[in-house]
Amino acid sequence: MAAAALEHPTLATLPPKQEPSDVFPNETPVVSTSVGAPHPLFDSPDADIILCSSDAITFRVHSNVLASTSGFFRTLLSLPQCPPSYKRSSSPTLALSPEVVHITESGRVLEGLLSMCTGRELPQLEDFGFVEELLHAAEKYEMPGALSVLRLALTSTTLLDAHPVRVYAIACQWGWKETARVAASRTLGLDLLGHALVKDLTYIESPHLISLLLLHRRRRDVLRQGLDSLVEFYANNQPSRCCNCQKEVVHGEWLSLKLTWLNAIEQRPADIATGAVLQDSQLHKLFSASCPHCQRLLYNPSGTILRLKQLLERLPKTVEF
């Protein structure tokens, strides 16, 4: 079999599926003699195929393992494998030598894929860049088992907390709706339009990007409507009167609190998502406000906090598909 390099597509621009005959067009299979250092975990002496990574690390594996875990290699290995007669006659041992397939993935990526496919200890999946490389390769070589493992890895706390937007982009692209919903909920504390996330947003396909932006927009709208409610917060009624002396009062502290919260969901969304706004100093000022006529406190702390908590709980939590 000819030693050939397989192109490495990206998830966003993966070309139509190629059959092995397209990857190796019109070539007579021969055995490559160009190999590198063996990988200690994949150096089986009775292996019948050798995979050589881009950094010249060789993996001696059994073809039946590749055929049972990879659609790509299953098709590739179903093609005629025997070298032409003139080569067999000149080198009798050639037909017995394991064939070498050169691929473009690194040894680290290939080790990770083969470990997932052979039941070995899984690689550390805490580096998002490494997980992306594995996803590219698992998709390229049609490895559903590896893809399942990587899907679970994407929902780990480490990756979700560090890269929720990127996880959301990948989950949407693969149609993993539940994973996408979980990732979207982890973006609630982020300023999506801030400079830090501009690059990450470019990985999201337009319909799913709109869904994510609408989620954040709906949260702002629900918060604004709740704070302006005449039913839940009597301070919104105009003219407003003191519940004790019935004289007209101005709820300046309440207006300041509403502005603080509406500004927080725009500039400090994490404070809204975590409920930290309930510890804001503006809330303490609100509860110390009193009627200028009878000096009675204007707001009931326990009732106000309860309604504010209920409002935060009503805010949309994830995207809609």
C-alpha atoms as a PDB file:
ATOM      1  CA  MET A   1       0.000   0.000   0.000  1.00  0.00           C
ATOM      2  CA  ALA A   2       1.418   3.365  -0.919  1.00  0.00           C
ATOM      3  CA  ALA A   3       2.481   5.630   1.907  1.00  0.00           C
ATOM      4  CA  ALA A   4       0.294   8.690   1.557  1.00  0.00           C
ATOM      5  CA  ALA A   5      -0.691  11.706   3.630  1.00  0.00           C
ATOM      6  CA  LEU A   6      -4.352  12.248   4.472  1.00  0.00           C
ATOM      7  CA  GLU A   7      -5.552  15.851   4.370  1.00  0.00           C
ATOM      8  CA  HIS A   8      -6.747  17.245   7.701  1.00  0.00           C
ATOM      9  CA  PRO A   9     -10.083  19.070   7.255  1.00  0.00           C
ATOM     10  CA  THR A  10     -11.638  21.361   9.815  1.00  0.00           C
ATOM     11  CA  LEU A  11     -15.032  20.741  11.411  1.00  0.00           C
ATOM     12  CA  ALA A  12     -16.437  23.808   9.690  1.00  0.00           C
ATOM     13  CA  THR A  13     -15.131  23.009   6.228  1.00  0.00           C
ATOM     14  CA  LEU A  14     -15.090  19.226   6.070  1.00  0.00           C
ATOM     15  CA  PRO A  15     -15.274  18.158   2.393  1.00  0.00           C
ATOM     16  CA  PRO A  16     -17.621  15.438   1.182  1.00  0.00           C
ATOM     17  CA  LYS A  17     -16.762  12.004   2.475  1.00  0.00           C
ATOM     18  CA  GLN A  18     -13.909  10.452   0.547  1.00  0.00           C
ATOM     19  CA  GLU A  19     -13.572   6.798  -0.129  1.00  0.00           C
ATOM     20  CA  PRO A  20     -10.071   5.357   0.274  1.00  0.00           C
ATOM     21  CA  SER A  21      -9.872   4.895  -3.488  1.00  0.00           C
ATOM     22  CA  ASP A  22     -10.184   8.678  -3.796  1.00  0.00           C
ATOM     23  CA  VAL A  23      -7.448   9.256  -1.238  1.00  0.00           C
ATOM     24  CA  PHE A  24      -5.075   6.945  -3.076  1.00  0.00           C
ATOM     25  CA  PRO A  25      -6.038   7.489  -6.746  1.00  0.00           C
ATOM     26  CA  ASN A  26      -4.749   5.043  -9.337  1.00  0.00           C
ATOM     27  CA  GLU A  27      -1.866   3.826  -7.177  1.00  0.00           C
ATOM     28  CA  THR A  28      -0.674   0.262  -6.831  1.00  0.00           C
ATOM     29  CA  PRO A  29      -0.508  -0.607  -3.104  1.00  0.00           C
ATOM     30  CA  VAL A  30       3.049  -1.124  -1.890  1.00  0.00           C
ATOM     31  CA  VAL A  31       4.619  -1.522   1.516  1.00  0.00           C
ATOM     32  CA  SER A  32       6.338   1.589   2.809  1.00  0.00           C
ATOM     33  CA  THR A  33       9.730   1.205   4.474  1.00  0.00           C
ATOM     34  CA  SER A  34       9.777   4.731   5.928  1.00  0.00           C
ATOM     35  CA  VAL A  35       8.860   4.400   9.614  1.00  0.00           C
ATOM     36  CA  GLY A  36       9.800   6.212  12.805  1.00  0.00           C
ATOM     37  CA  ALA A  37      10.116   5.460  16.499  1.00  0.00           C
ATOM     38  CA  PRO A  38       7.489   3.037  17.869  1.00  0.00           C
ATOM     39  CA  HIS A  39       4.976   4.155  20.469  1.00  0.00           C
ATOM     40  CA  PRO A  40       5.515   2.077  23.639  1.00  0.00           C
ATOM     41  CA  LEU A  41       1.781   1.452  24.189  1.00  0.00           C
ATOM     42  CA  PHE A  42       1.099   0.439  20.601  1.00  0.00           C
ATOM     43  CA  ASP A  43       3.973  -1.789  19.531  1.00  0.00           C
ATOM     44  CA  SER A  44       2.364  -5.191  19.134  1.00  0.00           C
ATOM     45  CA  PRO A  45       4.813  -7.629  17.471  1.00  0.00           C
ATOM     46  CA  ASP A  46       2.009  -9.483  15.702  1.00  0.00           C
ATOM     47  CA  ALA A  47       0.349  -6.329  14.355  1.00  0.00           C
ATOM     48  CA  ASP A  48      -0.549  -6.392  10.677  1.00  0.00           C
ATOM     49  CA  ILE A  49      -0.651  -2.631  10.044  1.00  0.00           C
ATOM     50  CA  ILE A  50       1.454   0.341  11.105  1.00  0.00           C
ATOM     51  CA  LEU A  51       0.145   3.885  11.424  1.00  0.00           C
ATOM     52  CA  CYS A  52       2.801   6.578  11.202  1.00  0.00           C
ATOM     53  CA  SER A  53       1.970  10.005  12.632  1.00  0.00           C
ATOM     54  CA  SER A  54       3.049  13.357  11.243  1.00  0.00           C
ATOM     55  CA  ASP A  55       5.840  13.510  13.832  1.00  0.00           C
ATOM     56  CA  ALA A  56       7.170  10.074  12.794  1.00  0.00           C
ATOM     57  CA  ILE A  57       5.796   8.004  15.672  1.00  0.00           C
ATOM     58  CA  THR A  58       4.625   4.556  14.633  1.00  0.00           C
ATOM     59  CA  PHE A  59       1.674   2.621  16.043  1.00  0.00           C
ATOM     60  CA  ARG A  60       1.650  -1.110  15.359  1.00  0.00           C
ATOM     61  CA  VAL A  61      -1.990  -2.181  15.600  1.00  0.00           C
ATOM     62  CA  HIS A  62      -4.277  -4.929  14.402  1.00  0.00           C
ATOM     63  CA  SER A  63      -6.330  -4.160  11.346  1.00  0.00           C
ATOM     64  CA  ASN A  64      -9.429  -5.784  12.843  1.00  0.00           C
ATOM     65  CA  VAL A  65      -9.366  -3.170  15.641  1.00  0.00           C
ATOM     66  CA  LEU A  66      -9.275  -0.341  13.108  1.00  0.00           C
ATOM     67  CA  ALA A  67     -11.948  -1.962  10.961  1.00  0.00           C
ATOM     68  CA  SER A  68     -14.318  -2.419  13.912  1.00  0.00           C
ATOM     69  CA  THR A  69     -13.937   1.125  15.286  1.00  0.00           C
ATOM     70  CA  SER A  70     -13.401   3.273  12.188  1.00  0.00           C
ATOM     71  CA  GLY A  71     -15.653   3.463   9.145  1.00  0.00           C
ATOM     72  CA  PHE A  72     -12.846   5.008   7.143  1.00  0.00           C
ATOM     73  CA  PHE A  73     -10.336   2.257   7.862  1.00  0.00           C
ATOM     74  CA  ARG A  74     -12.999  -0.431   7.460  1.00  0.00           C
ATOM     75  CA  THR A  75     -13.487   0.686   3.875  1.00  0.00           C
ATOM     76  CA  LEU A  76      -9.773   1.221   3.304  1.00  0.00           C
ATOM     77  CA  LEU A  77      -8.858  -2.247   4.553  1.00  0.00           C
ATOM     78  CA  SER A  78     -11.510  -3.864   2.403  1.00  0.00           C
ATOM     79  CA  LEU A  79      -9.526  -2.914  -0.703  1.00  0.00           C
ATOM     80  CA  PRO A  80      -7.021  -5.393  -2.261  1.00  0.00           C
ATOM     81  CA  GLN A  81      -3.894  -5.355  -0.117  1.00  0.00           C
ATOM     82  CA  CYS A  82      -1.503  -7.646  -2.003  1.00  0.00           C
ATOM     83  CA  PRO A  83       1.479  -6.051  -3.821  1.00  0.00           C
ATOM     84  CA  PRO A  84       2.018  -6.816  -7.530  1.00  0.00           C
ATOM     85  CA  SER A  85       3.680 -10.099  -8.507  1.00  0.00           C
ATOM     86  CA  TYR A  86       6.940  -8.550  -9.726  1.00  0.00           C
ATOM     87  CA  LYS A  87       7.483  -7.025  -6.270  1.00  0.00           C
ATOM     88  CA  ARG A  88       6.602 -10.255  -4.464  1.00  0.00           C
ATOM     89  CA  SER A  89       9.067 -12.241  -6.577  1.00  0.00           C
ATOM     90  CA  SER A  90      11.896  -9.765  -5.972  1.00  0.00           C
ATOM     91  CA  SER A  91      11.233  -9.538  -2.246  1.00  0.00           C
ATOM     92  CA  PRO A  92       9.531 -12.633  -0.776  1.00  0.00           C
ATOM     93  CA  THR A  93       9.294 -11.070   2.688  1.00  0.00           C
ATOM     94  CA  LEU A  94       7.529  -7.956   1.430  1.00  0.00           C
ATOM     95  CA  ALA A  95       4.078  -9.492   1.491  1.00  0.00           C
ATOM     96  CA  LEU A  96       4.594 -10.529   5.115  1.00  0.00           C
ATOM     97  CA  SER A  97       5.646  -7.085   6.352  1.00  0.00           C
ATOM     98  CA  PRO A  98       3.045  -4.893   8.082  1.00  0.00           C
ATOM     99  CA  GLU A  99       1.840  -2.141   5.833  1.00  0.00           C
ATOM    100  CA  VAL A 100       2.514   1.467   6.787  1.00  0.00           C
ATOM    101  CA  VAL A 101      -0.095   4.206   6.495  1.00  0.00           C
ATOM    102  CA  HIS A 102       1.150   7.753   6.959  1.00  0.00           C
ATOM    103  CA  ILE A 103      -1.405  10.169   8.375  1.00  0.00           C
ATOM    104  CA  THR A 104      -1.308  13.895   9.072  1.00  0.00           C
ATOM    105  CA  GLU A 105      -2.326  13.793  12.744  1.00  0.00           C
ATOM    106  CA  SER A 106       0.317  14.046  15.460  1.00  0.00           C
ATOM    107  CA  GLY A 107       1.357  11.164  17.658  1.00  0.00           C
ATOM    108  CA  ARG A 108      -0.482  12.693  20.607  1.00  0.00           C
ATOM    109  CA  VAL A 109      -3.754  12.803  18.693  1.00  0.00           C
ATOM    110  CA  LEU A 110      -3.327   9.300  17.295  1.00  0.00           C
ATOM    111  CA  GLU A 111      -2.515   7.958  20.750  1.00  0.00           C
ATOM    112  CA  GLY A 112      -5.686   9.544  22.104  1.00  0.00           C
ATOM    113  CA  LEU A 113      -7.873   8.084  19.356  1.00  0.00           C
ATOM    114  CA  LEU A 114      -6.422   4.598  19.642  1.00  0.00           C
ATOM    115  CA  SER A 115      -6.676   4.679  23.445  1.00  0.00           C
ATOM    116  CA  MET A 116     -10.390   5.462  23.199  1.00  0.00           C
ATOM    117  CA  CYS A 117     -10.888   2.724  20.621  1.00  0.00           C
ATOM    118  CA  THR A 118      -8.935  -0.029  22.370  1.00  0.00           C
ATOM    119  CA  GLY A 119     -10.154   0.370  25.943  1.00  0.00           C
ATOM    120  CA  ARG A 120      -6.935   1.820  27.319  1.00  0.00           C
ATOM    121  CA  GLU A 121      -6.784   4.594  29.898  1.00  0.00           C
ATOM    122  CA  LEU A 122      -8.314   7.723  28.399  1.00  0.00           C
ATOM    123  CA  PRO A 123      -6.076  10.718  27.674  1.00  0.00           C
ATOM    124  CA  GLN A 124      -6.404  13.890  29.710  1.00  0.00           C
ATOM    125  CA  LEU A 125      -9.201  15.860  28.068  1.00  0.00           C
ATOM    126  CA  GLU A 126      -8.817  19.192  29.850  1.00  0.00           C
ATOM    127  CA  ASP A 127      -7.075  21.061  27.025  1.00  0.00           C
ATOM    128  CA  PHE A 128      -9.755  22.404  24.692  1.00  0.00           C
ATOM    129  CA  GLY A 129      -7.365  22.647  21.747  1.00  0.00           C
ATOM    130  CA  PHE A 130      -6.462  18.971  22.135  1.00  0.00           C
ATOM    131  CA  VAL A 131     -10.120  17.976  22.352  1.00  0.00           C
ATOM    132  CA  GLU A 132     -10.798  19.894  19.138  1.00  0.00           C
ATOM    133  CA  GLU A 133      -7.968  18.066  17.386  1.00  0.00           C
ATOM    134  CA  LEU A 134      -9.405  14.749  18.532  1.00  0.00           C
ATOM    135  CA  LEU A 135     -12.848  15.756  17.282  1.00  0.00           C
ATOM    136  CA  HIS A 136     -11.439  16.617  13.863  1.00  0.00           C
ATOM    137  CA  ALA A 137      -9.681  13.260  13.648  1.00  0.00           C
ATOM    138  CA  ALA A 138     -12.595  11.210  15.030  1.00  0.00           C
ATOM    139  CA  GLU A 139     -14.905  12.787  12.482  1.00  0.00           C
ATOM    140  CA  LYS A 140     -12.400  12.326   9.674  1.00  0.00           C
ATOM    141  CA  TYR A 141     -11.882   8.625  10.394  1.00  0.00           C
ATOM    142  CA  GLU A 142     -15.554   7.981  11.272  1.00  0.00           C
ATOM    143  CA  MET A 143     -15.055   6.796  14.842  1.00  0.00           C
ATOM    144  CA  PRO A 144     -18.424   6.980  16.648  1.00  0.00           C
ATOM    145  CA  GLY A 145     -17.039   5.527  19.881  1.00  0.00           C
ATOM    146  CA  ALA A 146     -14.375   8.204  20.177  1.00  0.00           C
ATOM    147  CA  LEU A 147     -16.928  10.877  19.328  1.00  0.00           C
ATOM    148  CA  SER A 148     -19.156   9.696  22.194  1.00  0.00           C
ATOM    149  CA  VAL A 149     -16.279   9.972  24.647  1.00  0.00           C
ATOM    150  CA  LEU A 150     -15.393  13.444  23.378  1.00  0.00           C
ATOM    151  CA  ARG A 151     -19.003  14.552  23.649  1.00  0.00           C
ATOM    152  CA  LEU A 152     -18.980  13.630  27.330  1.00  0.00           C
ATOM    153  CA  ALA A 153     -15.664  15.440  27.766  1.00  0.00           C
ATOM    154  CA  LEU A 154     -17.165  18.636  26.386  1.00  0.00           C
ATOM    155  CA  THR A 155     -19.717  18.664  29.209  1.00  0.00           C
ATOM    156  CA  SER A 156     -17.048  18.435  31.899  1.00  0.00           C
ATOM    157  CA  THR A 157     -16.891  21.344  34.304  1.00  0.00           C
ATOM    158  CA  THR A 158     -13.341  22.186  33.243  1.00  0.00           C
ATOM    159  CA  LEU A 159     -14.149  22.734  29.558  1.00  0.00           C
ATOM    160  CA  LEU A 160     -17.601  24.232  30.085  1.00  0.00           C
ATOM    161  CA  ASP A 161     -16.386  26.846  32.536  1.00  0.00           C
ATOM    162  CA  ALA A 162     -13.334  27.764  30.452  1.00  0.00           C
ATOM    163  CA  HIS A 163     -14.841  27.671  26.939  1.00  0.00           C
ATOM    164  CA  PRO A 164     -18.670  27.690  27.070  1.00  0.00           C
ATOM    165  CA  VAL A 165     -19.041  29.561  23.766  1.00  0.00           C
ATOM    166  CA  ARG A 166     -16.712  27.173  21.908  1.00  0.00           C
ATOM    167  CA  VAL A 167     -18.468  24.147  23.415  1.00  0.00           C
ATOM    168  CA  TYR A 168     -21.796  25.635  22.338  1.00  0.00           C
ATOM    169  CA  ALA A 169     -20.473  26.125  18.783  1.00  0.00           C
ATOM    170  CA  ILE A 170     -19.292  22.521  18.485  1.00  0.00           C
ATOM    171  CA  ALA A 171     -22.439  21.071  20.065  1.00  0.00           C
ATOM    172  CA  CYS A 172     -24.651  23.023  17.647  1.00  0.00           C
ATOM    173  CA  GLN A 173     -22.582  21.917  14.681  1.00  0.00           C
ATOM    174  CA  TRP A 174     -22.921  18.274  15.670  1.00  0.00           C
ATOM    175  CA  GLY A 175     -26.604  18.567  16.532  1.00  0.00           C
ATOM    176  CA  TRP A 176     -25.984  17.774  20.202  1.00  0.00           C
ATOM    177  CA  LYS A 177     -28.926  19.844  21.459  1.00  0.00           C
ATOM    178  CA  GLU A 178     -28.732  18.930  25.124  1.00  0.00           C
ATOM    179  CA  THR A 179     -25.017  19.687  25.230  1.00  0.00           C
ATOM    180  CA  ALA A 180     -25.693  22.974  23.441  1.00  0.00           C
ATOM    181  CA  ARG A 181     -28.331  23.912  26.021  1.00  0.00           C
ATOM    182  CA  VAL A 182     -25.954  23.188  28.885  1.00  0.00           C
ATOM    183  CA  ALA A 183     -23.195  25.231  27.235  1.00  0.00           C
ATOM    184  CA  ALA A 184     -25.587  28.116  26.514  1.00  0.00           C
ATOM    185  CA  SER A 185     -26.568  28.263  30.174  1.00  0.00           C
ATOM    186  CA  ARG A 186     -22.874  28.619  31.082  1.00  0.00           C
ATOM    187  CA  THR A 187     -22.647  31.782  28.953  1.00  0.00           C
ATOM    188  CA  LEU A 188     -25.193  33.674  31.045  1.00  0.00           C
ATOM    189  CA  GLY A 189     -22.497  35.321  33.115  1.00  0.00           C
ATOM    190  CA  LEU A 190     -20.544  36.478  30.047  1.00  0.00           C
ATOM    191  CA  ASP A 191     -20.670  39.706  28.085  1.00  0.00           C
ATOM    192  CA  LEU A 192     -21.115  38.089  24.677  1.00  0.00           C
ATOM    193  CA  LEU A 193     -20.344  41.260  22.772  1.00  0.00           C
ATOM    194  CA  GLY A 194     -17.189  42.031  24.725  1.00  0.00           C
ATOM    195  CA  HIS A 195     -13.817  41.976  23.004  1.00  0.00           C
ATOM    196  CA  ALA A 196     -12.724  38.781  24.776  1.00  0.00           C
ATOM    197  CA  LEU A 197     -15.353  36.650  23.023  1.00  0.00           C
ATOM    198  CA  VAL A 198     -15.339  38.122  19.522  1.00  0.00           C
ATOM    199  CA  LYS A 199     -13.169  35.323  18.104  1.00  0.00           C
ATOM    200  CA  ASP A 200     -15.156  32.571  19.812  1.00  0.00           C
ATOM    201  CA  LEU A 201     -18.408  33.881  18.338  1.00  0.00           C
ATOM    202  CA  THR A 202     -17.049  33.471  14.803  1.00  0.00           C
ATOM    203  CA  TYR A 203     -17.109  29.678  15.265  1.00  0.00           C
ATOM    204  CA  ILE A 204     -20.898  29.643  15.738  1.00  0.00           C
ATOM    205  CA  GLU A 205     -23.112  29.177  12.691  1.00  0.00           C
ATOM    206  CA  SER A 206     -25.463  32.113  12.140  1.00  0.00           C
ATOM    207  CA  PRO A 207     -28.803  30.521  13.215  1.00  0.00           C
ATOM    208  CA  HIS A 208     -27.296  29.239  16.448  1.00  0.00           C
ATOM    209  CA  LEU A 209     -25.490  32.516  17.106  1.00  0.00           C
ATOM    210  CA  ILE A 210     -28.822  34.334  16.789  1.00  0.00           C
ATOM    211  CA  SER A 211     -30.399  31.881  19.243  1.00  0.00           C
ATOM    212  CA  LEU A 212     -27.656  32.571  21.786  1.00  0.00           C
ATOM    213  CA  LEU A 213     -27.898  36.352  21.381  1.00  0.00           C
ATOM    214  CA  LEU A 214     -31.684  36.155  21.698  1.00  0.00           C
ATOM    215  CA  LEU A 215     -31.313  34.240  24.957  1.00  0.00           C
ATOM    216  CA  HIS A 216     -29.310  37.107  26.451  1.00  0.00           C
ATOM    217  CA  ARG A 217     -31.751  39.638  25.001  1.00  0.00           C
ATOM    218  CA  ARG A 218     -34.755  37.817  26.480  1.00  0.00           C
ATOM    219  CA  ARG A 219     -33.104  37.823  29.891  1.00  0.00           C
ATOM    220  CA  ARG A 220     -32.695  41.590  29.747  1.00  0.00           C
ATOM    221  CA  ASP A 221     -36.297  42.057  28.626  1.00  0.00           C
ATOM    222  CA  VAL A 222     -37.734  39.794  31.344  1.00  0.00           C
ATOM    223  CA  LEU A 223     -35.649  41.533  34.001  1.00  0.00           C
ATOM    224  CA  ARG A 224     -36.763  44.976  32.853  1.00  0.00           C
ATOM    225  CA  GLN A 225     -40.411  43.974  32.713  1.00  0.00           C
ATOM    226  CA  GLY A 226     -40.234  42.404  36.162  1.00  0.00           C
ATOM    227  CA  LEU A 227     -38.598  45.428  37.769  1.00  0.00           C
ATOM    228  CA  ASP A 228     -41.246  47.677  36.199  1.00  0.00           C
ATOM    229  CA  SER A 229     -44.154  45.505  37.385  1.00  0.00           C
ATOM    230  CA  LEU A 230     -46.853  47.490  39.159  1.00  0.00           C
ATOM    231  CA  VAL A 231     -48.196  44.318  40.788  1.00  0.00           C
ATOM    232  CA  GLU A 232     -44.995  42.976  42.306  1.00  0.00           C
ATOM    233  CA  PHE A 233     -43.405  46.274  43.344  1.00  0.00           C
ATOM    234  CA  TYR A 234     -45.738  48.952  44.652  1.00  0.00           C
ATOM    235  CA  ALA A 235     -42.977  51.572  44.327  1.00  0.00           C
ATOM    236  CA  ASN A 236     -43.627  51.614  40.567  1.00  0.00           C
ATOM    237  CA  ASN A 237     -47.095  53.112  41.043  1.00  0.00           C
ATOM    238  CA  GLN A 238     -47.405  56.832  40.318  1.00  0.00           C
ATOM    239  CA  PRO A 239     -48.149  58.860  42.276  1.00  0.00           C
ATOM    240  CA  SER A 240     -46.747  56.732  45.072  1.00  0.00           C
ATOM    241  CA  ARG A 241     -47.792  57.133  48.699  1.00  0.00           C
ATOM    242  CA  CYS A 242     -46.432  55.974  52.008  1.00  0.00           C
ATOM    243  CA  CYS A 243     -48.290  52.911  53.273  1.00  0.00           C
ATOM    244  CA  ASN A 244     -48.401  54.427  56.767  1.00  0.00           C
ATOM    245  CA  CYS A 245     -49.242  58.119  56.440  1.00  0.00           C
ATOM    246  CA  GLN A 246     -50.557  58.010  52.849  1.00  0.00           C
ATOM    247  CA  LYS A 247     -48.565  61.073  51.912  1.00  0.00           C
ATOM    248  CA  GLU A 248     -46.866  61.212  48.538  1.00  0.00           C
ATOM    249  CA  VAL A 249     -43.279  60.012  48.449  1.00  0.00           C
ATOM    250  CA  VAL A 250     -40.554  59.706  45.814  1.00  0.00           C
ATOM    251  CA  HIS A 251     -38.972  56.263  45.526  1.00  0.00           C
ATOM    252  CA  GLY A 252     -35.522  57.466  44.536  1.00  0.00           C
ATOM    253  CA  GLU A 253     -33.779  54.465  46.086  1.00  0.00           C
ATOM    254  CA  TRP A 254     -36.000  52.052  44.140  1.00  0.00           C
ATOM    255  CA  LEU A 255     -35.244  53.833  40.867  1.00  0.00           C
ATOM    256  CA  SER A 256     -31.525  53.650  41.654  1.00  0.00           C
ATOM    257  CA  LEU A 257     -31.815  49.923  42.369  1.00  0.00           C
ATOM    258  CA  LYS A 258     -33.562  49.282  39.045  1.00  0.00           C
ATOM    259  CA  LEU A 259     -30.899  51.197  37.143  1.00  0.00           C
ATOM    260  CA  THR A 260     -28.160  49.277  38.983  1.00  0.00           C
ATOM    261  CA  TRP A 261     -29.685  45.916  38.062  1.00  0.00           C
ATOM    262  CA  LEU A 262     -30.349  46.839  34.433  1.00  0.00           C
ATOM    263  CA  ASN A 263     -26.795  48.077  34.120  1.00  0.00           C
ATOM    264  CA  ALA A 264     -25.506  44.890  35.763  1.00  0.00           C
ATOM    265  CA  ILE A 265     -27.135  42.574  33.238  1.00  0.00           C
ATOM    266  CA  GLU A 266     -25.454  44.583  30.471  1.00  0.00           C
ATOM    267  CA  GLN A 267     -22.052  45.228  32.007  1.00  0.00           C
ATOM    268  CA  ARG A 268     -21.767  42.628  34.786  1.00  0.00           C
ATOM    269  CA  PRO A 269     -24.030  39.740  33.719  1.00  0.00           C
ATOM    270  CA  ALA A 270     -22.264  37.358  36.108  1.00  0.00           C
ATOM    271  CA  ASP A 271     -23.725  39.298  39.048  1.00  0.00           C
ATOM    272  CA  ILE A 272     -27.217  38.617  37.723  1.00  0.00           C
ATOM    273  CA  ALA A 273     -26.517  34.989  36.802  1.00  0.00           C
ATOM    274  CA  THR A 274     -25.071  34.156  40.228  1.00  0.00           C
ATOM    275  CA  GLY A 275     -27.449  36.323  42.260  1.00  0.00           C
ATOM    276  CA  ALA A 276     -24.606  38.486  43.543  1.00  0.00           C
ATOM    277  CA  VAL A 277     -26.777  41.568  42.931  1.00  0.00           C
ATOM    278  CA  LEU A 278     -28.762  40.541  45.996  1.00  0.00           C
ATOM    279  CA  GLN A 279     -25.706  41.498  48.041  1.00  0.00           C
ATOM    280  CA  ASP A 280     -25.257  44.854  46.293  1.00  0.00           C
ATOM    281  CA  SER A 281     -24.883  47.919  48.500  1.00  0.00           C
ATOM    282  CA  GLN A 282     -27.756  49.567  46.628  1.00  0.00           C
ATOM    283  CA  LEU A 283     -30.118  47.013  48.144  1.00  0.00           C
ATOM    284  CA  HIS A 284     -29.018  47.946  51.662  1.00  0.00           C
ATOM    285  CA  LYS A 285     -29.640  51.607  50.863  1.00  0.00           C
ATOM    286  CA  LEU A 286     -33.125  50.694  49.673  1.00  0.00           C
ATOM    287  CA  PHE A 287     -34.039  49.033  52.948  1.00  0.00           C
ATOM    288  CA  SER A 288     -32.837  51.996  54.983  1.00  0.00           C
ATOM    289  CA  ALA A 289     -35.002  54.485  53.057  1.00  0.00           C
ATOM    290  CA  SER A 290     -37.821  56.032  55.112  1.00  0.00           C
ATOM    291  CA  CYS A 291     -40.800  58.254  54.564  1.00  0.00           C
ATOM    292  CA  PRO A 292     -39.794  61.936  54.948  1.00  0.00           C
ATOM    293  CA  HIS A 293     -43.138  62.644  56.645  1.00  0.00           C
ATOM    294  CA  CYS A 294     -43.595  59.859  59.211  1.00  0.00           C
ATOM    295  CA  GLN A 295     -40.083  58.363  59.204  1.00  0.00           C
ATOM    296  CA  ARG A 296     -41.426  54.832  58.700  1.00  0.00           C
ATOM    297  CA  LEU A 297     -39.352  52.504  56.524  1.00  0.00           C
ATOM    298  CA  LEU A 298     -40.714  52.418  52.971  1.00  0.00           C
ATOM    299  CA  TYR A 299     -39.807  48.846  52.041  1.00  0.00           C
ATOM    300  CA  ASN A 300     -40.303  45.430  53.585  1.00  0.00           C
ATOM    301  CA  PRO A 301     -36.875  43.710  53.291  1.00  0.00           C
ATOM    302  CA  SER A 302     -38.049  40.086  53.399  1.00  0.00           C
ATOM    303  CA  GLY A 303     -40.919  40.579  50.944  1.00  0.00           C
ATOM    304  CA  THR A 304     -38.816  42.651  48.522  1.00  0.00           C
ATOM    305  CA  ILE A 305     -35.917  40.191  48.521  1.00  0.00           C
ATOM    306  CA  LEU A 306     -38.308  37.284  47.957  1.00  0.00           C
ATOM    307  CA  ARG A 307     -39.855  38.946  44.914  1.00  0.00           C
ATOM    308  CA  LEU A 308     -36.437  39.920  43.540  1.00  0.00           C
ATOM    309  CA  LYS A 309     -35.229  36.324  43.921  1.00  0.00           C
ATOM    310  CA  GLN A 310     -38.320  35.047  42.145  1.00  0.00           C
ATOM    311  CA  LEU A 311     -37.668  37.502  39.340  1.00  0.00           C
ATOM    312  CA  LEU A 312     -34.102  36.244  38.912  1.00  0.00           C
ATOM    313  CA  GLU A 313     -35.357  32.658  38.822  1.00  0.00           C
ATOM    314  CA  ARG A 314     -37.805  33.536  36.033  1.00  0.00           C
ATOM    315  CA  LEU A 315     -35.088  34.753  33.717  1.00  0.00           C
ATOM    316  CA  PRO A 316     -34.591  32.436  30.687  1.00  0.00           C
ATOM    317  CA  LYS A 317     -31.814  29.938  31.327  1.00  0.00           C
ATOM    318  CA  THR A 318     -30.982  28.439  27.936  1.00  0.00           C
ATOM    319  CA  VAL A 319     -31.578  28.577  24.182  1.00  0.00           C
ATOM    320  CA  GLU A 320     -34.649  27.339  22.363  1.00  0.00           C
ATOM    321  CA  PHE A 321     -34.355  25.000  19.367  1.00  0.00           C
END
